[in-house]
């Protein structure tokens, strides 16, 4: 569609709202004669009479053809606006920014390959990664400080929408010569009898273990709290205490081992973003890339 025709549709839509050439001319910032000429040309292009031109003191009304044209004009202008937004966002993918949140453990051991792959696919997109506990991340999502975050999805937060769910098993991290390392699994009761090194409160992994201990009516013997994963592993090596973690952080540690809990303790994770909030094309592209990466 020619740009002049689009402008004429915009003028026509405005006149239909204002009911006056003079009011629309003032609002649109053009001379009234120019506006009248534009509408006349639109009528000539379509071969239709669109406006009833009566007494200058009366409000203008649309003809029956004009009412039909107005519906089409609104749809055409809305489609053009949507196309403009989408093209702007697609250009934004080349130079935009995504604010992502995750725990320190997942940021260090799970996300690197995803983030590197996405960065290679979209080199112009700047990524800001925030590491925090699940409760802090949830609040940052609700407050609009993060676009998306990898969160615990059970129980769900009513203000957050979830997708691309992931289930991970919580394990106990032990020195290979620890007495519990001889077992294929351990109970929360056995774990509670040992000194332990735990993440600080507010992290979903700690929440899951404390919830299991509460259900079993036992108290954890927490001797050290840290969110520094390398320090946590060193404390386990030094027999300060045993720890809970995801198995991925001990995969390359020859002097440490992991044992699952019986019954199993699982983390139900998912990418979350603010409910009823527009998710940018860049964030949508990241979620699609993540799902394809995990499947492959």
C-alpha atoms as a PDB file:
ATOM      1  CA  UNK A   1       0.000   0.000   0.000  1.00  0.00           C
ATOM      2  CA  UNK A   2       1.298   3.454  -0.937  1.00  0.00           C
ATOM      3  CA  UNK A   3       2.426   5.615   1.981  1.00  0.00           C
ATOM      4  CA  UNK A   4       0.034   8.391   0.917  1.00  0.00           C
ATOM      5  CA  UNK A   5      -2.871   5.930   1.066  1.00  0.00           C
ATOM      6  CA  UNK A   6      -1.864   4.907   4.589  1.00  0.00           C
ATOM      7  CA  UNK A   7      -1.758   8.549   5.654  1.00  0.00           C
ATOM      8  CA  UNK A   8      -5.212   9.106   4.177  1.00  0.00           C
ATOM      9  CA  UNK A   9      -6.573   6.133   6.114  1.00  0.00           C
ATOM     10  CA  UNK A  10      -5.094   7.608   9.299  1.00  0.00           C
ATOM     11  CA  UNK A  11      -6.707  10.968   8.544  1.00  0.00           C
ATOM     12  CA  UNK A  12     -10.046   9.316   7.761  1.00  0.00           C
ATOM     13  CA  UNK A  13      -9.966   7.338  11.037  1.00  0.00           C
ATOM     14  CA  UNK A  14      -9.241  10.488  13.012  1.00  0.00           C
ATOM     15  CA  UNK A  15     -12.088  12.408  11.381  1.00  0.00           C
ATOM     16  CA  UNK A  16     -14.459   9.532  12.169  1.00  0.00           C
ATOM     17  CA  UNK A  17     -13.540   9.971  15.842  1.00  0.00           C
ATOM     18  CA  UNK A  18     -13.540  13.781  16.015  1.00  0.00           C
ATOM     19  CA  UNK A  19     -16.492  14.383  13.679  1.00  0.00           C
ATOM     20  CA  UNK A  20     -14.801  17.547  12.449  1.00  0.00           C
ATOM     21  CA  UNK A  21     -12.259  18.485   9.775  1.00  0.00           C
ATOM     22  CA  UNK A  22     -11.061  21.424  11.852  1.00  0.00           C
ATOM     23  CA  UNK A  23     -10.561  19.390  15.048  1.00  0.00           C
ATOM     24  CA  UNK A  24      -8.699  16.628  13.212  1.00  0.00           C
ATOM     25  CA  UNK A  25      -6.569  19.132  11.296  1.00  0.00           C
ATOM     26  CA  UNK A  26      -5.520  20.720  14.580  1.00  0.00           C
ATOM     27  CA  UNK A  27      -4.861  17.352  16.235  1.00  0.00           C
ATOM     28  CA  UNK A  28      -2.937  15.993  13.242  1.00  0.00           C
ATOM     29  CA  UNK A  29      -0.953  19.183  12.773  1.00  0.00           C
ATOM     30  CA  UNK A  30      -1.902  19.816   9.147  1.00  0.00           C
ATOM     31  CA  UNK A  31      -3.854  22.548   7.362  1.00  0.00           C
ATOM     32  CA  UNK A  32      -7.583  21.956   7.080  1.00  0.00           C
ATOM     33  CA  UNK A  33      -7.632  22.396   3.266  1.00  0.00           C
ATOM     34  CA  UNK A  34      -4.874  19.762   2.947  1.00  0.00           C
ATOM     35  CA  UNK A  35      -6.903  17.382   5.104  1.00  0.00           C
ATOM     36  CA  UNK A  36     -10.007  17.933   2.986  1.00  0.00           C
ATOM     37  CA  UNK A  37      -8.006  17.232  -0.179  1.00  0.00           C
ATOM     38  CA  UNK A  38      -6.579  14.014   1.339  1.00  0.00           C
ATOM     39  CA  UNK A  39     -10.054  12.685   2.158  1.00  0.00           C
ATOM     40  CA  UNK A  40     -11.308  13.661  -1.298  1.00  0.00           C
ATOM     41  CA  UNK A  41      -8.436  11.716  -2.877  1.00  0.00           C
ATOM     42  CA  UNK A  42      -9.257   8.686  -0.682  1.00  0.00           C
ATOM     43  CA  UNK A  43     -12.829   8.815  -1.931  1.00  0.00           C
ATOM     44  CA  UNK A  44     -11.579   9.031  -5.516  1.00  0.00           C
ATOM     45  CA  UNK A  45      -9.222   6.064  -4.992  1.00  0.00           C
ATOM     46  CA  UNK A  46     -11.964   3.883  -3.557  1.00  0.00           C
ATOM     47  CA  UNK A  47     -14.794   5.183  -5.727  1.00  0.00           C
ATOM     48  CA  UNK A  48     -16.868   5.637  -2.583  1.00  0.00           C
ATOM     49  CA  UNK A  49     -18.435   8.559  -0.788  1.00  0.00           C
ATOM     50  CA  UNK A  50     -17.188   8.161   2.786  1.00  0.00           C
ATOM     51  CA  UNK A  51     -18.352  11.279   4.651  1.00  0.00           C
ATOM     52  CA  UNK A  52     -21.634  13.167   4.697  1.00  0.00           C
ATOM     53  CA  UNK A  53     -20.660  16.796   4.179  1.00  0.00           C
ATOM     54  CA  UNK A  54     -23.526  18.844   5.523  1.00  0.00           C
ATOM     55  CA  UNK A  55     -23.769  21.977   7.586  1.00  0.00           C
ATOM     56  CA  UNK A  56     -20.302  23.140   8.666  1.00  0.00           C
ATOM     57  CA  UNK A  57     -21.597  23.663  12.204  1.00  0.00           C
ATOM     58  CA  UNK A  58     -22.788  20.058  12.494  1.00  0.00           C
ATOM     59  CA  UNK A  59     -20.748  17.003  13.406  1.00  0.00           C
ATOM     60  CA  UNK A  60     -19.626  15.068  10.342  1.00  0.00           C
ATOM     61  CA  UNK A  61     -21.046  11.588   9.933  1.00  0.00           C
ATOM     62  CA  UNK A  62     -19.942   8.600   7.895  1.00  0.00           C
ATOM     63  CA  UNK A  63     -21.931   7.195   5.035  1.00  0.00           C
ATOM     64  CA  UNK A  64     -22.794   3.494   5.068  1.00  0.00           C
ATOM     65  CA  UNK A  65     -19.787   2.932   2.797  1.00  0.00           C
ATOM     66  CA  UNK A  66     -17.708   5.056   5.145  1.00  0.00           C
ATOM     67  CA  UNK A  67     -18.636   2.865   8.126  1.00  0.00           C
ATOM     68  CA  UNK A  68     -17.514  -0.248   6.248  1.00  0.00           C
ATOM     69  CA  UNK A  69     -14.316   1.503   5.171  1.00  0.00           C
ATOM     70  CA  UNK A  70     -13.632   2.551   8.775  1.00  0.00           C
ATOM     71  CA  UNK A  71     -13.629  -1.082   9.939  1.00  0.00           C
ATOM     72  CA  UNK A  72     -11.128  -1.992   7.229  1.00  0.00           C
ATOM     73  CA  UNK A  73      -9.055   1.105   7.957  1.00  0.00           C
ATOM     74  CA  UNK A  74      -8.777   0.172  11.635  1.00  0.00           C
ATOM     75  CA  UNK A  75      -7.695  -3.367  10.728  1.00  0.00           C
ATOM     76  CA  UNK A  76      -5.145  -2.185   8.162  1.00  0.00           C
ATOM     77  CA  UNK A  77      -3.640   0.370  10.546  1.00  0.00           C
ATOM     78  CA  UNK A  78      -3.544  -2.171  13.399  1.00  0.00           C
ATOM     79  CA  UNK A  79      -1.809  -4.734  11.174  1.00  0.00           C
ATOM     80  CA  UNK A  80       0.739  -2.150  10.083  1.00  0.00           C
ATOM     81  CA  UNK A  81       1.391  -1.182  13.707  1.00  0.00           C
ATOM     82  CA  UNK A  82       1.891  -4.847  14.670  1.00  0.00           C
ATOM     83  CA  UNK A  83       4.244  -5.342  11.737  1.00  0.00           C
ATOM     84  CA  UNK A  84       6.212  -2.287  12.784  1.00  0.00           C
ATOM     85  CA  UNK A  85       6.551  -3.540  16.359  1.00  0.00           C
ATOM     86  CA  UNK A  86       7.640  -6.991  15.211  1.00  0.00           C
ATOM     87  CA  UNK A  87      10.224  -5.590  12.804  1.00  0.00           C
ATOM     88  CA  UNK A  88      11.531  -3.297  15.533  1.00  0.00           C
ATOM     89  CA  UNK A  89      11.894  -6.266  17.879  1.00  0.00           C
ATOM     90  CA  UNK A  90      13.562  -8.384  15.229  1.00  0.00           C
ATOM     91  CA  UNK A  91      16.068  -5.594  14.714  1.00  0.00           C
ATOM     92  CA  UNK A  92      16.358  -5.459  18.489  1.00  0.00           C
ATOM     93  CA  UNK A  93      17.437  -9.119  18.526  1.00  0.00           C
ATOM     94  CA  UNK A  94      20.600  -7.978  16.811  1.00  0.00           C
ATOM     95  CA  UNK A  95      21.419  -5.450  19.503  1.00  0.00           C
ATOM     96  CA  UNK A  96      19.083  -6.061  22.440  1.00  0.00           C
ATOM     97  CA  UNK A  97      19.536  -7.200  26.024  1.00  0.00           C
ATOM     98  CA  UNK A  98      18.073 -10.022  28.090  1.00  0.00           C
ATOM     99  CA  UNK A  99      18.117  -9.954  31.885  1.00  0.00           C
ATOM    100  CA  UNK A 100      18.313 -13.562  33.093  1.00  0.00           C
ATOM    101  CA  UNK A 101      18.269 -14.898  36.653  1.00  0.00           C
ATOM    102  CA  UNK A 102      19.441 -18.220  38.071  1.00  0.00           C
ATOM    103  CA  UNK A 103      21.054 -19.696  41.161  1.00  0.00           C
ATOM    104  CA  UNK A 104      24.844 -19.724  41.462  1.00  0.00           C
ATOM    105  CA  UNK A 105      24.941 -23.503  41.023  1.00  0.00           C
ATOM    106  CA  UNK A 106      22.891 -23.538  37.827  1.00  0.00           C
ATOM    107  CA  UNK A 107      24.693 -20.467  36.492  1.00  0.00           C
ATOM    108  CA  UNK A 108      28.033 -22.197  36.938  1.00  0.00           C
ATOM    109  CA  UNK A 109      27.329 -25.807  35.999  1.00  0.00           C
ATOM    110  CA  UNK A 110      24.174 -25.913  33.888  1.00  0.00           C
ATOM    111  CA  UNK A 111      23.735 -22.685  31.952  1.00  0.00           C
ATOM    112  CA  UNK A 112      27.178 -21.984  30.417  1.00  0.00           C
ATOM    113  CA  UNK A 113      26.690 -24.170  27.334  1.00  0.00           C
ATOM    114  CA  UNK A 114      23.192 -22.738  26.819  1.00  0.00           C
ATOM    115  CA  UNK A 115      24.340 -19.137  27.180  1.00  0.00           C
ATOM    116  CA  UNK A 116      27.397 -19.632  24.969  1.00  0.00           C
ATOM    117  CA  UNK A 117      25.320 -21.310  22.266  1.00  0.00           C
ATOM    118  CA  UNK A 118      22.684 -18.573  22.359  1.00  0.00           C
ATOM    119  CA  UNK A 119      25.358 -15.876  22.221  1.00  0.00           C
ATOM    120  CA  UNK A 120      26.873 -17.525  19.149  1.00  0.00           C
ATOM    121  CA  UNK A 121      23.439 -17.653  17.488  1.00  0.00           C
ATOM    122  CA  UNK A 122      22.610 -14.046  18.452  1.00  0.00           C
ATOM    123  CA  UNK A 123      25.992 -12.301  18.811  1.00  0.00           C
ATOM    124  CA  UNK A 124      24.489  -8.830  19.114  1.00  0.00           C
ATOM    125  CA  UNK A 125      22.277  -9.639  22.087  1.00  0.00           C
ATOM    126  CA  UNK A 126      23.753  -8.569  25.395  1.00  0.00           C
ATOM    127  CA  UNK A 127      23.053 -10.922  28.313  1.00  0.00           C
ATOM    128  CA  UNK A 128      22.990  -9.807  31.939  1.00  0.00           C
ATOM    129  CA  UNK A 129      23.020 -12.774  34.322  1.00  0.00           C
ATOM    130  CA  UNK A 130      21.910 -12.261  37.921  1.00  0.00           C
ATOM    131  CA  UNK A 131      22.722 -14.949  40.495  1.00  0.00           C
ATOM    132  CA  UNK A 132      20.424 -15.143  43.520  1.00  0.00           C
ATOM    133  CA  UNK A 133      18.136 -17.412  45.512  1.00  0.00           C
ATOM    134  CA  UNK A 134      14.743 -18.420  44.192  1.00  0.00           C
ATOM    135  CA  UNK A 135      12.757 -16.048  46.429  1.00  0.00           C
ATOM    136  CA  UNK A 136      14.886 -13.073  45.381  1.00  0.00           C
ATOM    137  CA  UNK A 137      14.612 -14.066  41.719  1.00  0.00           C
ATOM    138  CA  UNK A 138      10.831 -14.392  41.968  1.00  0.00           C
ATOM    139  CA  UNK A 139      10.557 -10.903  43.434  1.00  0.00           C
ATOM    140  CA  UNK A 140      12.837  -9.489  40.738  1.00  0.00           C
ATOM    141  CA  UNK A 141      10.598 -11.053  38.070  1.00  0.00           C
ATOM    142  CA  UNK A 142       7.462  -9.574  39.647  1.00  0.00           C
ATOM    143  CA  UNK A 143       9.163  -6.169  40.019  1.00  0.00           C
ATOM    144  CA  UNK A 144      10.208  -6.194  36.355  1.00  0.00           C
ATOM    145  CA  UNK A 145      13.944  -6.290  37.101  1.00  0.00           C
ATOM    146  CA  UNK A 146      14.425  -9.580  35.214  1.00  0.00           C
ATOM    147  CA  UNK A 147      12.970 -10.772  31.926  1.00  0.00           C
ATOM    148  CA  UNK A 148      13.169 -14.475  32.770  1.00  0.00           C
ATOM    149  CA  UNK A 149      14.675 -16.642  35.497  1.00  0.00           C
ATOM    150  CA  UNK A 150      15.229 -20.332  36.178  1.00  0.00           C
ATOM    151  CA  UNK A 151      13.014 -20.895  39.204  1.00  0.00           C
ATOM    152  CA  UNK A 152      11.539 -23.589  41.371  1.00  0.00           C
ATOM    153  CA  UNK A 153       8.084 -24.125  39.866  1.00  0.00           C
ATOM    154  CA  UNK A 154       6.546 -26.137  42.738  1.00  0.00           C
ATOM    155  CA  UNK A 155       4.738 -24.602  44.501  1.00  0.00           C
ATOM    156  CA  UNK A 156       4.023 -22.075  41.728  1.00  0.00           C
ATOM    157  CA  UNK A 157       3.990 -18.332  42.248  1.00  0.00           C
ATOM    158  CA  UNK A 158       0.609 -16.937  41.139  1.00  0.00           C
ATOM    159  CA  UNK A 159       2.288 -13.884  39.586  1.00  0.00           C
ATOM    160  CA  UNK A 160       4.626 -15.921  37.383  1.00  0.00           C
ATOM    161  CA  UNK A 161       4.106 -17.956  34.230  1.00  0.00           C
ATOM    162  CA  UNK A 162       6.287 -21.048  33.714  1.00  0.00           C
ATOM    163  CA  UNK A 163       7.584 -22.944  30.683  1.00  0.00           C
ATOM    164  CA  UNK A 164      10.364 -25.353  29.662  1.00  0.00           C
ATOM    165  CA  UNK A 165      10.236 -27.372  32.874  1.00  0.00           C
ATOM    166  CA  UNK A 166      13.202 -29.322  34.211  1.00  0.00           C
ATOM    167  CA  UNK A 167      13.355 -31.904  37.003  1.00  0.00           C
ATOM    168  CA  UNK A 168      16.631 -32.473  38.883  1.00  0.00           C
ATOM    169  CA  UNK A 169      17.418 -34.796  41.780  1.00  0.00           C
ATOM    170  CA  UNK A 170      18.971 -33.435  44.968  1.00  0.00           C
ATOM    171  CA  UNK A 171      21.895 -35.531  46.224  1.00  0.00           C
ATOM    172  CA  UNK A 172      24.191 -35.631  49.232  1.00  0.00           C
ATOM    173  CA  UNK A 173      27.805 -34.678  48.528  1.00  0.00           C
ATOM    174  CA  UNK A 174      30.360 -36.705  50.524  1.00  0.00           C
ATOM    175  CA  UNK A 175      34.080 -37.448  50.667  1.00  0.00           C
ATOM    176  CA  UNK A 176      34.665 -40.792  48.950  1.00  0.00           C
ATOM    177  CA  UNK A 177      35.895 -42.291  52.238  1.00  0.00           C
ATOM    178  CA  UNK A 178      32.871 -41.145  54.273  1.00  0.00           C
ATOM    179  CA  UNK A 179      30.917 -43.888  56.037  1.00  0.00           C
ATOM    180  CA  UNK A 180      27.710 -42.998  54.175  1.00  0.00           C
ATOM    181  CA  UNK A 181      29.531 -43.290  50.845  1.00  0.00           C
ATOM    182  CA  UNK A 182      29.373 -47.065  51.233  1.00  0.00           C
ATOM    183  CA  UNK A 183      25.594 -46.936  50.802  1.00  0.00           C
ATOM    184  CA  UNK A 184      23.735 -46.636  47.486  1.00  0.00           C
ATOM    185  CA  UNK A 185      21.399 -44.017  48.995  1.00  0.00           C
ATOM    186  CA  UNK A 186      20.814 -42.250  52.308  1.00  0.00           C
ATOM    187  CA  UNK A 187      17.775 -41.107  54.258  1.00  0.00           C
ATOM    188  CA  UNK A 188      17.102 -37.608  55.506  1.00  0.00           C
ATOM    189  CA  UNK A 189      17.361 -39.017  59.041  1.00  0.00           C
ATOM    190  CA  UNK A 190      20.921 -40.195  58.342  1.00  0.00           C
ATOM    191  CA  UNK A 191      21.782 -36.875  56.750  1.00  0.00           C
ATOM    192  CA  UNK A 192      20.457 -34.947  59.757  1.00  0.00           C
ATOM    193  CA  UNK A 193      22.790 -36.863  62.084  1.00  0.00           C
ATOM    194  CA  UNK A 194      25.839 -35.521  60.223  1.00  0.00           C
ATOM    195  CA  UNK A 195      27.273 -31.990  60.391  1.00  0.00           C
ATOM    196  CA  UNK A 196      26.281 -30.283  57.160  1.00  0.00           C
ATOM    197  CA  UNK A 197      27.292 -27.438  54.870  1.00  0.00           C
ATOM    198  CA  UNK A 198      24.266 -25.744  53.299  1.00  0.00           C
ATOM    199  CA  UNK A 199      23.366 -22.944  50.952  1.00  0.00           C
ATOM    200  CA  UNK A 200      21.923 -19.895  52.668  1.00  0.00           C
ATOM    201  CA  UNK A 201      18.189 -19.643  53.222  1.00  0.00           C
ATOM    202  CA  UNK A 202      16.146 -18.557  50.226  1.00  0.00           C
ATOM    203  CA  UNK A 203      17.732 -21.018  47.799  1.00  0.00           C
ATOM    204  CA  UNK A 204      15.416 -23.671  46.410  1.00  0.00           C
ATOM    205  CA  UNK A 205      17.843 -26.503  47.063  1.00  0.00           C
ATOM    206  CA  UNK A 206      18.005 -25.681  50.757  1.00  0.00           C
ATOM    207  CA  UNK A 207      14.234 -25.174  50.857  1.00  0.00           C
ATOM    208  CA  UNK A 208      13.681 -28.655  49.412  1.00  0.00           C
ATOM    209  CA  UNK A 209      15.978 -30.348  51.938  1.00  0.00           C
ATOM    210  CA  UNK A 210      14.551 -28.430  54.907  1.00  0.00           C
ATOM    211  CA  UNK A 211      11.037 -29.310  53.809  1.00  0.00           C
ATOM    212  CA  UNK A 212      11.940 -33.012  53.741  1.00  0.00           C
ATOM    213  CA  UNK A 213      13.547 -32.737  57.185  1.00  0.00           C
ATOM    214  CA  UNK A 214      10.417 -31.033  58.515  1.00  0.00           C
ATOM    215  CA  UNK A 215       8.237 -33.807  57.094  1.00  0.00           C
ATOM    216  CA  UNK A 216      10.471 -36.396  58.786  1.00  0.00           C
ATOM    217  CA  UNK A 217      10.412 -34.397  62.052  1.00  0.00           C
ATOM    218  CA  UNK A 218      14.215 -34.133  62.229  1.00  0.00           C
ATOM    219  CA  UNK A 219      16.505 -31.108  62.570  1.00  0.00           C
ATOM    220  CA  UNK A 220      19.488 -30.490  60.318  1.00  0.00           C
ATOM    221  CA  UNK A 221      22.905 -30.072  61.952  1.00  0.00           C
ATOM    222  CA  UNK A 222      24.042 -27.075  59.893  1.00  0.00           C
ATOM    223  CA  UNK A 223      27.632 -26.067  60.663  1.00  0.00           C
ATOM    224  CA  UNK A 224      28.406 -23.774  57.739  1.00  0.00           C
ATOM    225  CA  UNK A 225      26.347 -21.703  55.283  1.00  0.00           C
ATOM    226  CA  UNK A 226      27.744 -20.513  51.963  1.00  0.00           C
ATOM    227  CA  UNK A 227      26.645 -19.867  48.402  1.00  0.00           C
ATOM    228  CA  UNK A 228      30.204 -20.264  47.109  1.00  0.00           C
ATOM    229  CA  UNK A 229      30.257 -23.644  45.415  1.00  0.00           C
ATOM    230  CA  UNK A 230      34.036 -24.091  45.373  1.00  0.00           C
ATOM    231  CA  UNK A 231      34.147 -23.296  49.089  1.00  0.00           C
ATOM    232  CA  UNK A 232      31.299 -25.730  49.741  1.00  0.00           C
ATOM    233  CA  UNK A 233      33.207 -28.542  48.029  1.00  0.00           C
ATOM    234  CA  UNK A 234      36.403 -27.682  49.899  1.00  0.00           C
ATOM    235  CA  UNK A 235      34.538 -27.773  53.221  1.00  0.00           C
ATOM    236  CA  UNK A 236      33.209 -31.233  52.364  1.00  0.00           C
ATOM    237  CA  UNK A 237      36.732 -32.394  51.481  1.00  0.00           C
ATOM    238  CA  UNK A 238      37.970 -31.063  54.811  1.00  0.00           C
ATOM    239  CA  UNK A 239      35.286 -32.965  56.765  1.00  0.00           C
ATOM    240  CA  UNK A 240      33.634 -29.785  58.024  1.00  0.00           C
ATOM    241  CA  UNK A 241      30.372 -31.367  56.953  1.00  0.00           C
ATOM    242  CA  UNK A 242      28.537 -33.107  54.152  1.00  0.00           C
ATOM    243  CA  UNK A 243      26.415 -31.090  51.745  1.00  0.00           C
ATOM    244  CA  UNK A 244      23.441 -31.233  49.428  1.00  0.00           C
ATOM    245  CA  UNK A 245      23.730 -30.255  45.784  1.00  0.00           C
ATOM    246  CA  UNK A 246      22.906 -31.292  42.246  1.00  0.00           C
ATOM    247  CA  UNK A 247      25.046 -34.137  40.949  1.00  0.00           C
ATOM    248  CA  UNK A 248      26.398 -31.998  38.096  1.00  0.00           C
ATOM    249  CA  UNK A 249      28.742 -30.027  40.384  1.00  0.00           C
ATOM    250  CA  UNK A 250      30.686 -33.134  41.480  1.00  0.00           C
ATOM    251  CA  UNK A 251      31.013 -34.884  38.114  1.00  0.00           C
ATOM    252  CA  UNK A 252      34.721 -34.065  37.752  1.00  0.00           C
ATOM    253  CA  UNK A 253      35.718 -34.368  41.423  1.00  0.00           C
ATOM    254  CA  UNK A 254      37.619 -37.627  42.011  1.00  0.00           C
ATOM    255  CA  UNK A 255      37.753 -37.215  45.804  1.00  0.00           C
ATOM    256  CA  UNK A 256      34.022 -36.520  46.219  1.00  0.00           C
ATOM    257  CA  UNK A 257      30.934 -38.592  45.506  1.00  0.00           C
ATOM    258  CA  UNK A 258      27.179 -38.151  45.554  1.00  0.00           C
ATOM    259  CA  UNK A 259      24.417 -40.336  46.932  1.00  0.00           C
ATOM    260  CA  UNK A 260      20.703 -39.866  46.239  1.00  0.00           C
ATOM    261  CA  UNK A 261      18.181 -39.544  49.006  1.00  0.00           C
ATOM    262  CA  UNK A 262      15.642 -42.273  49.623  1.00  0.00           C
ATOM    263  CA  UNK A 263      12.849 -41.294  49.128  1.00  0.00           C
ATOM    264  CA  UNK A 264      14.152 -39.038  46.357  1.00  0.00           C
ATOM    265  CA  UNK A 265      14.214 -35.263  46.774  1.00  0.00           C
ATOM    266  CA  UNK A 266      13.616 -33.502  43.488  1.00  0.00           C
ATOM    267  CA  UNK A 267      13.770 -29.908  42.341  1.00  0.00           C
ATOM    268  CA  UNK A 268      11.054 -28.987  39.869  1.00  0.00           C
ATOM    269  CA  UNK A 269      12.517 -26.113  37.898  1.00  0.00           C
ATOM    270  CA  UNK A 270      11.223 -24.003  35.022  1.00  0.00           C
ATOM    271  CA  UNK A 271      11.863 -20.748  33.236  1.00  0.00           C
ATOM    272  CA  UNK A 272       9.527 -18.127  34.624  1.00  0.00           C
ATOM    273  CA  UNK A 273       8.451 -14.636  33.640  1.00  0.00           C
ATOM    274  CA  UNK A 274       5.892 -12.151  34.895  1.00  0.00           C
ATOM    275  CA  UNK A 275       2.337 -13.289  34.210  1.00  0.00           C
ATOM    276  CA  UNK A 276       0.265 -11.049  31.922  1.00  0.00           C
ATOM    277  CA  UNK A 277       3.474  -9.284  30.940  1.00  0.00           C
ATOM    278  CA  UNK A 278       4.716  -9.059  27.345  1.00  0.00           C
ATOM    279  CA  UNK A 279       7.709 -11.336  26.771  1.00  0.00           C
ATOM    280  CA  UNK A 280      10.112  -9.759  24.308  1.00  0.00           C
ATOM    281  CA  UNK A 281      11.090 -11.450  21.050  1.00  0.00           C
ATOM    282  CA  UNK A 282      14.647 -11.772  22.365  1.00  0.00           C
ATOM    283  CA  UNK A 283      13.459 -13.604  25.494  1.00  0.00           C
ATOM    284  CA  UNK A 284      11.176 -15.795  23.384  1.00  0.00           C
ATOM    285  CA  UNK A 285      14.132 -16.621  21.142  1.00  0.00           C
ATOM    286  CA  UNK A 286      16.175 -17.587  24.201  1.00  0.00           C
ATOM    287  CA  UNK A 287      13.457 -19.938  25.485  1.00  0.00           C
ATOM    288  CA  UNK A 288      13.151 -21.573  22.065  1.00  0.00           C
ATOM    289  CA  UNK A 289      16.926 -21.970  21.865  1.00  0.00           C
ATOM    290  CA  UNK A 290      17.017 -23.438  25.384  1.00  0.00           C
ATOM    291  CA  UNK A 291      14.312 -26.010  24.619  1.00  0.00           C
ATOM    292  CA  UNK A 292      16.104 -27.095  21.447  1.00  0.00           C
ATOM    293  CA  UNK A 293      19.432 -27.255  23.301  1.00  0.00           C
ATOM    294  CA  UNK A 294      18.028 -29.456  26.086  1.00  0.00           C
ATOM    295  CA  UNK A 295      16.282 -31.779  23.627  1.00  0.00           C
ATOM    296  CA  UNK A 296      19.502 -32.241  21.686  1.00  0.00           C
END
